[in-house]
Amino acid sequence: MAHEEPLGMLLLTGGQGRRLGGPKHDRPHPSGGTWGGHLVRVFREVFPRGPVQILGEPLPDIEDLMGTGITVVSDPHQGPAVALSTWARSEPPPTVRWWVVPCDQVAWTAADLSIWSSQAGDADPKGRGWVMVREGDREQPLGGFIGSRMIPSLASFEESRVRDLVARLPRCIVKSDAYRGMDVDHPADLEAWTKLR
């Protein structure tokens, strides 16, 4: 299942999680470790040598997450769009594309990520756009892939909402049954996800 293509992971952990009563990145995941740690393990199973950057708060189980190549980038806590632009200005390591995933997309498995990343690579082989899915009538950029050729443009934006940021960037919409971007934002989401496990 491991891929040789150079991909990176950008894990967003800077949210306040107000609707769930506090931060989400360090909540325990049923598979072990934290929510954020689960996502890093999923990524490393598919891309064992890919760089991992944590945008926001460090994970308490970071020492257990399969060796080195994990760095924490400061989040200015002005929303995810500003955080993404700040990250782009930090000169991320070179890759073809980055999987941009928030810590509350806890349903991802390595098998799903393997399929989804292959679909993204087929749709945007040169890493020139933001590969995402459409859920209902809205585009869902998080859980998608930012092509590395977009990073200079991303660094120049000062948008405060991801929706506005995405509207100014090239994007590629892909249909995928492998996409597992269900956010756990509310207590009802947490209960529904727990029942699915």
Protein backbone atom coordinates (compact mmCIF):
# COMPACT_ATOMS: atom_id res chain seq x y z
CA MET A 1 0.00 0.00 0.00
CA ALA A 2 2.95 2.37 0.50
CA HIS A 3 3.48 4.88 -2.32
CA GLU A 4 6.82 6.14 -3.58
CA GLU A 5 5.47 9.48 -4.85
CA PRO A 6 6.79 12.37 -2.73
CA LEU A 7 3.76 13.66 -0.85
CA GLY A 8 3.56 15.67 2.35
CA MET A 9 0.99 15.96 5.09
CA LEU A 10 -0.18 19.24 6.60
CA LEU A 11 -2.19 18.52 9.75
CA LEU A 12 -4.29 21.42 11.06
CA THR A 13 -4.45 21.39 14.87
CA GLY A 14 -4.99 25.05 15.72
CA GLY A 15 -8.78 25.04 16.08
CA GLN A 16 -10.40 25.87 19.40
CA GLY A 17 -13.09 23.16 19.18
CA ARG A 18 -15.62 25.38 20.94
CA ARG A 19 -18.61 23.30 19.84
CA LEU A 20 -17.06 20.20 21.42
CA GLY A 21 -15.90 22.01 24.52
CA GLY A 22 -12.19 22.28 23.73
CA PRO A 23 -9.37 21.36 21.34
CA LYS A 24 -9.82 18.23 19.27
CA HIS A 25 -6.31 17.28 18.14
CA ASP A 26 -5.42 15.61 21.44
CA ARG A 27 -8.68 13.70 22.02
CA PRO A 28 -8.24 9.92 22.29
CA HIS A 29 -8.90 7.97 19.10
CA PRO A 30 -10.44 4.49 19.44
CA SER A 31 -7.57 3.01 17.39
CA GLY A 32 -5.05 4.37 19.91
CA GLY A 33 -3.26 7.66 20.41
CA THR A 34 -4.87 11.00 19.66
CA TRP A 35 -7.09 12.16 16.82
CA GLY A 36 -4.14 13.96 15.25
CA GLY A 37 -1.81 11.04 15.91
CA HIS A 38 -4.23 8.67 14.16
CA LEU A 39 -4.09 10.81 11.02
CA VAL A 40 -0.28 10.91 11.07
CA ARG A 41 -0.16 7.10 11.39
CA VAL A 42 -2.59 6.75 8.46
CA PHE A 43 -0.43 9.04 6.33
CA ARG A 44 2.82 7.31 7.30
CA GLU A 45 1.39 3.91 6.40
CA VAL A 46 0.79 5.15 2.86
CA PHE A 47 3.74 7.58 2.58
CA PRO A 48 6.40 6.33 5.02
CA ARG A 49 9.00 8.92 3.98
CA GLY A 50 6.69 11.87 3.36
CA PRO A 51 7.26 15.03 5.42
CA VAL A 52 4.65 15.82 8.07
CA GLN A 53 4.02 19.37 9.19
CA ILE A 54 1.66 20.11 12.07
CA LEU A 55 0.13 23.56 11.69
CA GLY A 56 -0.91 24.66 15.16
CA GLU A 57 -0.56 22.76 18.40
CA PRO A 58 1.88 19.85 18.83
CA LEU A 59 0.51 16.38 19.48
CA PRO A 60 1.08 14.83 22.90
CA ASP A 61 1.90 11.49 21.24
CA ILE A 62 4.34 13.01 18.72
CA GLU A 63 7.27 11.01 20.12
CA ASP A 64 5.45 7.77 19.27
CA LEU A 65 4.67 8.74 15.67
CA MET A 66 7.13 6.73 13.60
CA GLY A 67 10.40 8.56 13.76
CA THR A 68 11.46 11.90 12.43
CA GLY A 69 10.29 14.17 9.64
CA ILE A 70 7.57 15.77 11.77
CA THR A 71 7.75 19.51 12.41
CA VAL A 72 5.38 21.94 14.08
CA VAL A 73 4.63 25.27 12.37
CA SER A 74 3.17 28.11 14.43
CA ASP A 75 -0.47 29.02 13.77
CA PRO A 76 -1.33 32.72 14.26
CA HIS A 77 -4.84 31.66 15.44
CA GLN A 78 -6.66 33.90 12.95
CA GLY A 79 -8.50 31.07 11.20
CA PRO A 80 -7.45 28.29 8.83
CA ALA A 81 -7.01 30.52 5.74
CA VAL A 82 -4.50 32.78 7.51
CA ALA A 83 -2.81 29.70 8.96
CA LEU A 84 -2.44 28.18 5.48
CA SER A 85 -0.91 31.38 4.08
CA THR A 86 1.46 31.55 7.06
CA TRP A 87 2.47 27.93 6.45
CA ALA A 88 3.09 28.63 2.74
CA ARG A 89 5.46 31.47 3.70
CA SER A 90 7.43 29.09 5.99
CA GLU A 91 9.09 27.41 2.95
CA PRO A 92 7.68 23.87 3.33
CA PRO A 93 9.87 20.94 2.21
CA PRO A 94 9.60 20.10 -1.50
CA THR A 95 6.91 17.58 -2.50
CA VAL A 96 4.54 17.16 -5.43
CA ARG A 97 1.49 17.92 -3.28
CA TRP A 98 0.34 18.21 0.32
CA TRP A 99 -2.56 16.41 1.97
CA VAL A 100 -4.23 19.20 3.98
CA VAL A 101 -6.27 17.57 6.70
CA PRO A 102 -7.85 18.96 9.87
CA CYS A 103 -7.43 16.92 13.03
CA ASP A 104 -11.18 16.26 13.26
CA GLN A 105 -11.43 14.23 10.03
CA VAL A 106 -11.03 11.11 12.16
CA ALA A 107 -12.59 8.53 9.80
CA TRP A 108 -9.63 8.24 7.40
CA THR A 109 -7.98 4.85 6.90
CA ALA A 110 -4.76 4.06 5.06
CA ALA A 111 -6.72 2.19 2.36
CA ASP A 112 -8.98 5.20 1.72
CA LEU A 113 -6.05 7.64 1.66
CA SER A 114 -4.14 5.41 -0.76
CA ILE A 115 -7.05 5.44 -3.23
CA TRP A 116 -7.84 9.14 -2.74
CA SER A 117 -4.21 10.21 -3.22
CA SER A 118 -3.99 8.16 -6.44
CA GLN A 119 -7.17 9.82 -7.72
CA ALA A 120 -5.75 13.24 -6.85
CA GLY A 121 -2.50 12.40 -8.65
CA ASP A 122 -4.41 11.32 -11.76
CA ALA A 123 -6.46 14.53 -11.70
CA ASP A 124 -3.48 16.87 -11.11
CA PRO A 125 -0.23 15.03 -11.92
CA LYS A 126 1.96 18.16 -11.85
CA GLY A 127 0.64 19.58 -8.57
CA ARG A 128 -0.75 22.79 -10.04
CA GLY A 129 -4.10 23.01 -8.23
CA TRP A 130 -6.10 22.20 -5.13
CA VAL A 131 -7.72 18.79 -5.58
CA MET A 132 -10.94 18.50 -3.61
CA VAL A 133 -14.38 16.91 -3.62
CA ARG A 134 -17.81 18.46 -3.84
CA GLU A 135 -20.20 17.49 -1.06
CA GLY A 136 -23.73 18.41 -2.00
CA ASP A 137 -23.58 21.96 -3.33
CA ARG A 138 -20.27 22.99 -1.74
CA GLU A 139 -16.64 22.29 -2.41
CA GLN A 140 -14.69 20.67 0.42
CA PRO A 141 -11.02 21.68 0.24
CA LEU A 142 -9.91 20.20 3.57
CA GLY A 143 -8.94 16.58 3.28
CA GLY A 144 -7.88 17.48 -0.26
CA PHE A 145 -4.47 18.06 -1.81
CA ILE A 146 -2.66 21.33 -2.45
CA GLY A 147 -0.24 21.11 -5.36
CA SER A 148 3.20 22.43 -4.43
CA ARG A 149 3.22 24.75 -7.43
CA MET A 150 0.41 26.66 -5.70
CA ILE A 151 2.41 27.42 -2.55
CA PRO A 152 3.85 30.79 -3.77
CA SER A 153 0.34 32.00 -4.64
CA LEU A 154 -1.01 30.73 -1.33
CA ALA A 155 1.74 32.62 0.52
CA SER A 156 0.68 35.94 -1.02
CA PHE A 157 -2.97 35.83 0.07
CA GLU A 158 -4.41 37.52 3.14
CA GLU A 159 -7.85 35.90 3.06
CA SER A 160 -9.52 35.17 6.40
CA ARG A 161 -11.84 32.37 5.24
CA VAL A 162 -10.86 29.19 3.44
CA ARG A 163 -13.81 29.59 1.07
CA ASP A 164 -12.44 32.96 -0.11
CA LEU A 165 -8.93 31.55 -0.40
CA VAL A 166 -10.10 28.60 -2.49
CA ALA A 167 -12.09 30.88 -4.81
CA ARG A 168 -8.85 32.62 -5.84
CA LEU A 169 -6.84 29.46 -6.53
CA PRO A 170 -6.93 26.89 -9.33
CA ARG A 171 -8.85 23.82 -8.23
CA CYS A 172 -9.81 20.43 -9.50
CA ILE A 173 -13.04 18.77 -8.34
CA VAL A 174 -12.89 14.97 -8.15
CA LYS A 175 -15.64 12.47 -7.36
CA SER A 176 -14.35 9.91 -4.90
CA ASP A 177 -15.91 7.16 -2.82
CA ALA A 178 -12.64 6.97 -0.88
CA TYR A 179 -12.82 10.52 0.51
CA ARG A 180 -13.41 10.40 4.28
CA GLY A 181 -13.65 14.07 5.16
CA MET A 182 -16.47 13.93 7.70
CA ASP A 183 -15.63 16.61 10.27
CA VAL A 184 -16.49 15.92 13.89
CA ASP A 185 -17.60 19.43 14.89
CA HIS A 186 -20.61 18.91 17.15
CA PRO A 187 -21.55 16.42 19.89
CA ALA A 188 -24.03 14.86 17.43
CA ASP A 189 -21.18 14.31 14.92
CA LEU A 190 -19.12 12.61 17.61
CA GLU A 191 -22.01 10.37 18.58
CA ALA A 192 -22.71 9.44 14.93
CA TRP A 193 -19.04 8.65 14.26
CA THR A 194 -18.77 6.58 17.44
CA LYS A 195 -21.79 4.49 16.33
CA LEU A 196 -20.15 3.86 12.93
CA ARG A 197 -17.04 2.32 14.51
